[in-house]
Amino acid sequence: MNNVTNEKVHRTEREMVLDVIGKFRTKMSPALSRLAKQSDPVAKQFIPSPYEALDFGTEKPFEEGKNNHGIYGLERVYEDRAVLTPYFECSAYCRYCFKKSRTLAGSAKRMSDEDIDKAIRFIESDSRIRTVLITGGDPLVDPRLLEKVLDKVFPIPHIRNIRIGTRNILFSPEKVTPDLAKMIACYQQIDYDEPRKSKNISIGLSLNHVDELTPEVVRAYQRLIREGITVRGQVVLLKGINDSVSAMRELLETFLCTGIVPYYLFHCMPVVGAKHFRTSVQKGLDLLQELSPYSGTTTFQYVYVTPIGKHRIAPGHQLEYVKIDGSRYIRSTTPYKAADFLEFSDNKELPPLHGINEEGYITSHYLDGHDEEEILA
């Protein structure tokens, strides 16, 4: 009887995986495929799971601003930053990706020359914008397109910082050649006479587990560091992968001793199919609290993200919980004024689960995760 029952469960799980693959594609680069065979924490991030078929989440948790002012690929929700997404494709697909509906289930859409020119004119028109983040998809998948965008962003007088967000260094470390590193580095300029007019370019590298820092990956980002480019490490907190003190400490220490500056620790967003990856937000606070007795040279900025922007929290932060439709949400008064968000994001109203307090600041409600193991139903 047990064998029959087990076979039913296994058959159901296989069917669920097929449903998942039918909706969200799977993709791994050759380098990543080799690594996934050696590392269970890596494999869990990329191999489709039956848990992705559970009824959970939203397909677009942070996509409202990706078409600002009618310009495809432009996003702005903050006063001093603009985001450009030249190419919506990656060399591999992370199963928890908050842009899941735009990569795993979408087409590899890219900004046209006209889109890029419109976006550049928009950024030029507002001197409050000091930082441009070039993200994706992954901009390192198409270095020629990245170079075209950099050529247009760099001359804008009020742009002081250019950031490139990537995970492709893990997927295809061989693509980070000395020539690519030099090309990126040439967009860095230090003005010794007037330092405030300097321009900095940096890399935000997404890595989630120490197993991802293979010799090839370390050599790849060292090529960038040797050219004077700052590499910052960005991590997503993932249940069963890096949500322990030992895993996070080992990752932090390896970042530091190989030249990566720890930057953001992101709480996994409530995207469709990601329920089994999501811890509670409190779990991240507890992890950082347990790591706080160690070297204070640097550590992560812990954030969770709603459609209106990042919510920074640190050990000691008291979370406020409310129940909405039977689920636990974190209620927060943000540092963002509603009028500013509506102006910058080109929206007429706030996203769902967001309101305005008496001082004009946005209040948000974020769906919390949980620390128990998920059960297939």
Protein backbone atom coordinates (compact mmCIF):
# COMPACT_ATOMS: atom_id res chain seq x y z
CA MET A 1 0.00 0.00 0.00
CA ASN A 2 2.84 2.38 0.90
CA ASN A 3 4.53 1.70 -2.44
CA VAL A 4 1.34 2.54 -4.30
CA THR A 5 0.89 5.73 -2.26
CA ASN A 6 4.52 6.76 -2.84
CA GLU A 7 4.19 6.13 -6.55
CA LYS A 8 1.09 8.36 -6.63
CA VAL A 9 3.01 11.15 -4.89
CA HIS A 10 6.00 10.80 -7.20
CA ARG A 11 3.81 10.75 -10.26
CA THR A 12 1.97 13.85 -9.04
CA GLU A 13 5.26 15.66 -8.38
CA ARG A 14 6.46 14.83 -11.89
CA GLU A 15 3.23 16.18 -13.31
CA MET A 16 3.62 19.34 -11.25
CA VAL A 17 7.16 19.85 -12.56
CA LEU A 18 5.92 19.44 -16.12
CA ASP A 19 3.27 22.09 -15.43
CA VAL A 20 5.98 24.40 -14.06
CA ILE A 21 8.24 23.89 -17.08
CA GLY A 22 5.28 24.53 -19.38
CA LYS A 23 4.77 27.92 -17.77
CA PHE A 24 8.31 28.94 -16.79
CA ARG A 25 11.21 27.78 -18.89
CA THR A 26 14.42 26.33 -17.51
CA LYS A 27 17.88 27.32 -18.65
CA MET A 28 21.42 26.76 -17.43
CA SER A 29 24.74 27.73 -18.97
CA PRO A 30 27.42 25.03 -19.42
CA ALA A 31 29.47 26.35 -16.47
CA LEU A 32 26.41 26.45 -14.23
CA SER A 33 25.29 22.96 -15.27
CA ARG A 34 28.64 21.56 -14.19
CA LEU A 35 28.46 23.39 -10.87
CA ALA A 36 24.86 22.32 -10.18
CA LYS A 37 25.91 18.66 -10.43
CA GLN A 38 28.43 19.25 -7.64
CA SER A 39 26.43 21.56 -5.35
CA ASP A 40 22.94 20.97 -3.98
CA PRO A 41 22.56 24.65 -2.86
CA VAL A 42 23.27 25.72 -6.43
CA ALA A 43 21.04 23.08 -8.02
CA LYS A 44 18.05 24.12 -5.88
CA GLN A 45 18.20 27.63 -7.34
CA PHE A 46 17.95 26.54 -10.97
CA ILE A 47 16.26 23.15 -11.30
CA PRO A 48 12.44 23.36 -11.58
CA SER A 49 10.65 22.15 -8.46
CA PRO A 50 7.10 20.89 -7.93
CA TYR A 51 6.80 23.55 -5.21
CA GLU A 52 6.73 26.17 -7.97
CA ALA A 53 3.29 24.86 -8.92
CA LEU A 54 1.79 25.83 -5.56
CA ASP A 55 -0.79 28.59 -5.73
CA PHE A 56 1.18 31.56 -4.46
CA GLY A 57 2.42 35.01 -5.27
CA THR A 58 2.16 37.58 -7.98
CA GLU A 59 3.68 37.50 -11.44
CA LYS A 60 4.78 41.14 -11.31
CA PRO A 61 5.71 42.15 -7.75
CA PHE A 62 7.94 45.02 -8.85
CA GLU A 63 7.21 45.82 -12.46
CA GLU A 64 4.94 48.85 -12.32
CA GLY A 65 7.65 51.34 -13.28
CA LYS A 66 9.37 49.54 -16.12
CA ASN A 67 7.82 51.75 -18.80
CA ASN A 68 8.22 55.22 -17.32
CA HIS A 69 6.94 58.10 -19.44
CA GLY A 70 6.20 55.64 -22.26
CA ILE A 71 9.89 54.71 -22.64
CA TYR A 72 10.46 50.96 -22.71
CA GLY A 73 13.34 49.88 -20.46
CA LEU A 74 13.34 53.00 -18.28
CA GLU A 75 12.38 52.86 -14.62
CA ARG A 76 12.44 55.57 -11.98
CA VAL A 77 10.99 55.39 -8.49
CA TYR A 78 13.64 57.41 -6.62
CA GLU A 79 14.69 61.05 -6.95
CA ASP A 80 18.39 60.41 -7.53
CA ARG A 81 18.36 57.16 -9.54
CA ALA A 82 17.18 55.84 -12.87
CA VAL A 83 17.23 52.23 -14.02
CA LEU A 84 17.84 51.04 -17.57
CA THR A 85 17.10 47.51 -18.74
CA PRO A 86 18.68 47.20 -22.18
CA TYR A 87 18.13 43.44 -22.56
CA PHE A 88 15.61 41.19 -20.84
CA GLU A 89 17.46 37.89 -21.13
CA CYS A 90 19.88 35.84 -19.00
CA SER A 91 22.27 32.95 -19.59
CA ALA A 92 20.45 30.98 -16.87
CA TYR A 93 17.12 31.28 -15.07
CA CYS A 94 16.94 31.59 -11.28
CA ARG A 95 13.69 29.99 -10.10
CA TYR A 96 13.05 32.72 -7.49
CA CYS A 97 13.60 35.64 -9.89
CA PHE A 98 11.24 38.54 -9.18
CA LYS A 99 11.18 39.22 -12.93
CA LYS A 100 10.07 35.65 -13.58
CA SER A 101 7.24 36.65 -15.89
CA ARG A 102 9.65 38.78 -17.95
CA THR A 103 12.48 36.25 -18.31
CA LEU A 104 11.41 32.66 -17.62
CA ALA A 105 8.02 33.21 -19.27
CA GLY A 106 8.75 36.14 -21.52
CA SER A 107 10.59 37.04 -24.68
CA ALA A 108 14.13 38.35 -24.84
CA LYS A 109 13.01 41.90 -25.45
CA ARG A 110 15.56 44.67 -25.73
CA MET A 111 15.61 48.43 -25.83
CA SER A 112 15.71 49.78 -29.38
CA ASP A 113 18.07 52.59 -30.34
CA GLU A 114 15.05 54.89 -30.16
CA ASP A 115 14.19 53.64 -26.65
CA ILE A 116 17.77 54.26 -25.51
CA ASP A 117 17.86 57.77 -26.98
CA LYS A 118 14.52 58.65 -25.34
CA ALA A 119 15.73 57.33 -21.99
CA ILE A 120 18.98 59.30 -22.26
CA ARG A 121 17.06 62.50 -23.03
CA PHE A 122 14.86 61.87 -20.01
CA ILE A 123 17.89 61.42 -17.72
CA GLU A 124 19.61 64.46 -19.22
CA SER A 125 16.53 66.58 -18.50
CA ASP A 126 16.63 66.08 -14.71
CA SER A 127 19.83 66.97 -12.83
CA ARG A 128 18.47 65.36 -9.66
CA ILE A 129 19.36 61.98 -11.19
CA ARG A 130 22.93 61.20 -10.10
CA THR A 131 23.01 57.41 -10.49
CA VAL A 132 22.11 55.12 -13.39
CA LEU A 133 21.69 51.41 -12.72
CA ILE A 134 22.00 49.21 -15.81
CA THR A 135 20.33 45.89 -15.11
CA GLY A 136 18.32 43.17 -16.81
CA GLY A 137 17.89 40.41 -17.64
CA ASP A 138 21.63 40.72 -17.59
CA PRO A 139 23.61 43.46 -19.34
CA LEU A 140 26.76 41.30 -19.55
CA VAL A 141 24.95 38.86 -21.86
CA ASP A 142 25.33 41.45 -24.64
CA PRO A 143 28.48 43.53 -24.03
CA ARG A 144 28.06 45.47 -27.29
CA LEU A 145 24.64 46.72 -26.24
CA LEU A 146 26.03 47.53 -22.79
CA GLU A 147 28.84 49.56 -24.38
CA LYS A 148 26.32 51.45 -26.52
CA VAL A 149 24.35 52.39 -23.40
CA LEU A 150 27.48 53.35 -21.46
CA ASP A 151 28.62 55.57 -24.34
CA LYS A 152 25.42 57.57 -23.98
CA VAL A 153 25.13 57.62 -20.18
CA PHE A 154 28.73 58.56 -19.39
CA PRO A 155 28.75 62.09 -20.95
CA ILE A 156 25.67 63.25 -18.99
CA PRO A 157 27.21 65.91 -16.71
CA HIS A 158 25.15 65.21 -13.56
CA ILE A 159 25.60 61.42 -13.61
CA ARG A 160 28.16 60.58 -10.92
CA ASN A 161 27.67 56.84 -10.50
CA ILE A 162 27.01 54.07 -13.00
CA ARG A 163 26.13 50.67 -11.58
CA ILE A 164 25.88 47.43 -13.55
CA GLY A 165 23.82 44.62 -12.03
CA THR A 166 24.83 41.11 -13.11
CA ARG A 167 24.75 37.42 -12.28
CA ASN A 168 26.27 36.42 -15.59
CA ILE A 169 29.72 36.23 -14.00
CA LEU A 170 28.48 33.08 -12.27
CA PHE A 171 26.78 31.75 -15.38
CA SER A 172 29.54 32.47 -17.91
CA PRO A 173 32.74 33.53 -16.13
CA GLU A 174 34.72 32.98 -19.33
CA LYS A 175 32.91 35.95 -20.90
CA VAL A 176 34.64 38.37 -18.49
CA THR A 177 37.75 38.81 -20.61
CA PRO A 178 40.53 41.34 -19.97
CA ASP A 179 39.13 43.35 -22.89
CA LEU A 180 35.65 43.45 -21.34
CA ALA A 181 37.10 44.55 -18.01
CA LYS A 182 39.05 47.35 -19.71
CA MET A 183 35.98 48.44 -21.67
CA ILE A 184 33.92 48.81 -18.48
CA ALA A 185 36.77 50.51 -16.61
CA CYS A 186 37.16 53.23 -19.24
CA TYR A 187 33.86 54.72 -18.03
CA GLN A 188 35.43 55.54 -14.68
CA GLN A 189 36.91 59.01 -14.31
CA ILE A 190 38.46 60.66 -11.28
CA ASP A 191 38.63 64.45 -11.35
CA TYR A 192 41.49 65.26 -8.99
CA ASP A 193 40.93 69.01 -9.15
CA GLU A 194 37.18 68.78 -8.53
CA PRO A 195 36.53 65.37 -6.95
CA ARG A 196 32.77 65.95 -6.85
CA LYS A 197 32.77 65.85 -10.65
CA SER A 198 34.28 62.38 -10.71
CA LYS A 199 32.41 59.42 -12.23
CA ASN A 200 32.46 55.96 -10.72
CA ILE A 201 31.43 52.69 -12.32
CA SER A 202 30.78 49.59 -10.22
CA ILE A 203 29.45 46.07 -10.51
CA GLY A 204 26.67 44.63 -8.36
CA LEU A 205 27.34 40.89 -8.50
CA SER A 206 24.57 38.54 -7.36
CA LEU A 207 25.90 35.45 -5.57
CA ASN A 208 23.95 33.47 -2.97
CA HIS A 209 26.18 30.67 -1.70
CA VAL A 210 29.89 30.14 -1.19
CA ASP A 211 29.78 27.22 -3.66
CA GLU A 212 29.18 29.82 -6.38
CA LEU A 213 32.62 31.33 -5.82
CA THR A 214 34.42 28.85 -8.04
CA PRO A 215 38.01 29.48 -9.19
CA GLU A 216 36.66 30.61 -12.58
CA VAL A 217 34.19 33.04 -11.03
CA VAL A 218 36.80 34.51 -8.67
CA ARG A 219 39.26 34.96 -11.54
CA ALA A 220 36.51 36.68 -13.57
CA TYR A 221 35.64 39.34 -11.01
CA GLN A 222 39.30 39.79 -10.11
CA ARG A 223 39.85 40.95 -13.69
CA LEU A 224 37.36 43.73 -12.97
CA ILE A 225 38.85 44.57 -9.58
CA ARG A 226 42.34 44.81 -11.08
CA GLU A 227 41.01 47.46 -13.46
CA GLY A 228 39.89 49.52 -10.47
CA ILE A 229 36.20 48.56 -10.63
CA THR A 230 34.41 48.09 -7.30
CA VAL A 231 32.53 44.80 -7.11
CA ARG A 232 29.69 44.67 -4.58
CA GLY A 233 28.07 41.39 -3.53
CA GLN A 234 24.28 41.12 -3.56
CA VAL A 235 22.57 38.13 -1.96
CA VAL A 236 19.00 36.85 -1.86
CA LEU A 237 18.02 35.16 1.41
CA LEU A 238 16.81 31.69 0.39
CA LYS A 239 15.32 29.01 2.60
CA GLY A 240 17.41 25.84 2.74
CA ILE A 241 20.23 27.44 0.77
CA ASN A 242 21.82 30.25 2.77
CA ASP A 243 19.47 30.89 5.72
CA SER A 244 21.90 29.71 8.40
CA VAL A 245 24.57 31.62 10.30
CA SER A 246 27.28 29.25 9.08
CA ALA A 247 26.30 29.60 5.40
CA MET A 248 25.98 33.38 5.57
CA ARG A 249 29.19 33.84 7.56
CA GLU A 250 31.18 31.69 5.13
CA LEU A 251 29.80 33.67 2.19
CA LEU A 252 30.56 37.02 3.85
CA GLU A 253 34.10 36.01 4.78
CA THR A 254 34.79 34.74 1.26
CA PHE A 255 33.45 37.96 -0.22
CA LEU A 256 35.77 40.00 1.97
CA CYS A 257 38.94 37.98 1.44
CA THR A 258 38.49 37.93 -2.36
CA GLY A 259 37.76 41.63 -2.73
CA ILE A 260 33.95 41.75 -2.92
CA VAL A 261 32.27 44.45 -0.84
CA PRO A 262 29.12 43.01 0.84
CA TYR A 263 26.18 45.17 -0.20
CA TYR A 264 22.53 44.09 -0.19
CA LEU A 265 20.86 41.11 1.44
CA PHE A 266 17.45 40.92 -0.24
CA HIS A 267 14.48 39.17 1.26
CA CYS A 268 13.06 36.85 -1.40
CA MET A 269 10.11 38.59 -3.03
CA PRO A 270 6.59 37.10 -3.16
CA VAL A 271 6.80 36.15 -6.81
CA VAL A 272 4.75 33.30 -8.22
CA GLY A 273 6.38 29.91 -7.55
CA ALA A 274 8.77 31.18 -4.87
CA LYS A 275 6.88 30.28 -1.69
CA HIS A 276 9.32 27.50 -0.76
CA PHE A 277 12.29 29.89 -1.02
CA ARG A 278 10.89 32.54 1.35
CA THR A 279 11.87 32.74 5.00
CA SER A 280 10.25 35.18 7.38
CA VAL A 281 11.72 38.68 7.24
CA GLN A 282 12.57 38.27 10.92
CA LYS A 283 14.83 35.32 10.02
CA GLY A 284 17.12 37.68 8.13
CA LEU A 285 17.23 40.08 11.06
CA ASP A 286 18.09 37.21 13.40
CA LEU A 287 20.88 36.04 11.10
CA LEU A 288 22.47 39.49 10.97
CA GLN A 289 22.13 39.82 14.75
CA GLU A 290 24.01 36.54 15.22
CA LEU A 291 26.70 37.72 12.81
CA SER A 292 27.08 41.11 14.50
CA PRO A 293 29.71 40.00 17.07
CA TYR A 294 32.12 39.25 14.24
CA SER A 295 34.23 41.79 12.34
CA GLY A 296 32.34 45.01 11.78
CA THR A 297 34.44 45.93 8.75
CA THR A 298 31.34 45.63 6.62
CA THR A 299 28.10 43.70 6.40
CA PHE A 300 24.95 43.53 4.34
CA GLN A 301 22.20 46.11 4.12
CA TYR A 302 19.08 44.01 4.65
CA VAL A 303 16.12 45.07 2.53
CA TYR A 304 12.74 43.89 1.42
CA VAL A 305 11.25 45.43 -1.68
CA THR A 306 7.74 46.55 -2.54
CA PRO A 307 6.65 48.27 -5.76
CA ILE A 308 7.46 51.69 -4.30
CA GLY A 309 11.07 50.89 -3.40
CA LYS A 310 13.46 49.31 -0.92
CA HIS A 311 12.69 49.06 2.81
CA ARG A 312 15.94 48.99 4.79
CA ILE A 313 15.89 47.20 8.14
CA ALA A 314 18.62 46.24 10.61
CA PRO A 315 19.03 44.10 13.75
CA GLY A 316 16.88 45.55 16.51
CA HIS A 317 14.18 46.70 14.10
CA GLN A 318 10.71 45.90 15.43
CA LEU A 319 8.45 44.59 12.70
CA GLU A 320 4.77 45.50 12.79
CA TYR A 321 2.44 42.74 11.62
CA VAL A 322 -1.13 42.88 10.33
CA LYS A 323 -3.44 40.19 8.96
CA ILE A 324 -4.89 40.67 5.48
CA ASP A 325 -7.14 37.96 4.03
CA GLY A 326 -5.69 35.49 6.54
CA SER A 327 -2.05 36.13 5.60
CA ARG A 328 0.64 37.91 7.64
CA TYR A 329 1.88 41.22 6.26
CA ILE A 330 4.55 43.60 7.50
CA ARG A 331 3.25 47.15 7.81
CA SER A 332 5.77 49.95 7.46
CA THR A 333 5.87 53.71 7.10
CA THR A 334 8.39 54.29 4.36
CA PRO A 335 10.84 57.19 3.87
CA TYR A 336 9.19 57.88 0.52
CA LYS A 337 6.62 60.65 0.03
CA ALA A 338 3.64 59.64 -2.07
CA ALA A 339 3.78 62.79 -4.21
CA ASP A 340 7.44 62.15 -5.05
CA PHE A 341 6.85 58.49 -5.93
CA LEU A 342 3.94 59.36 -8.23
CA GLU A 343 6.04 62.01 -9.97
CA PHE A 344 9.13 59.86 -10.43
CA SER A 345 7.33 56.64 -11.40
CA ASP A 346 4.87 58.33 -13.76
CA ASN A 347 1.94 56.67 -11.96
CA LYS A 348 -1.43 58.19 -11.19
CA GLU A 349 -2.03 56.14 -8.06
CA LEU A 350 -0.12 54.02 -5.56
CA PRO A 351 0.17 50.25 -6.05
CA PRO A 352 -2.17 47.90 -4.15
CA LEU A 353 -1.42 47.48 -0.41
CA HIS A 354 0.04 50.98 -0.20
CA GLY A 355 -1.47 54.09 1.36
CA ILE A 356 -0.59 57.60 2.53
CA ASN A 357 -0.24 58.74 6.14
CA GLU A 358 -1.06 62.18 7.52
CA GLU A 359 2.44 63.49 6.74
CA GLY A 360 2.22 62.37 3.12
CA TYR A 361 4.55 59.39 3.46
CA ILE A 362 3.72 56.03 1.90
CA THR A 363 2.65 53.18 4.17
CA SER A 364 3.23 49.72 2.73
CA HIS A 365 2.15 46.15 3.43
CA TYR A 366 4.56 43.36 2.48
CA LEU A 367 3.62 39.67 2.45
CA ASP A 368 5.86 37.91 4.96
CA GLY A 369 7.38 34.47 4.44
CA HIS A 370 7.58 31.65 6.95
CA ASP A 371 10.34 29.43 8.30
CA GLU A 372 8.53 26.07 8.29
CA GLU A 373 9.21 23.60 5.50
CA GLU A 374 6.72 23.78 2.65
CA ILE A 375 4.40 20.79 2.12
CA LEU A 376 3.10 19.80 -1.30
CA ALA A 377 -0.68 19.79 -1.41
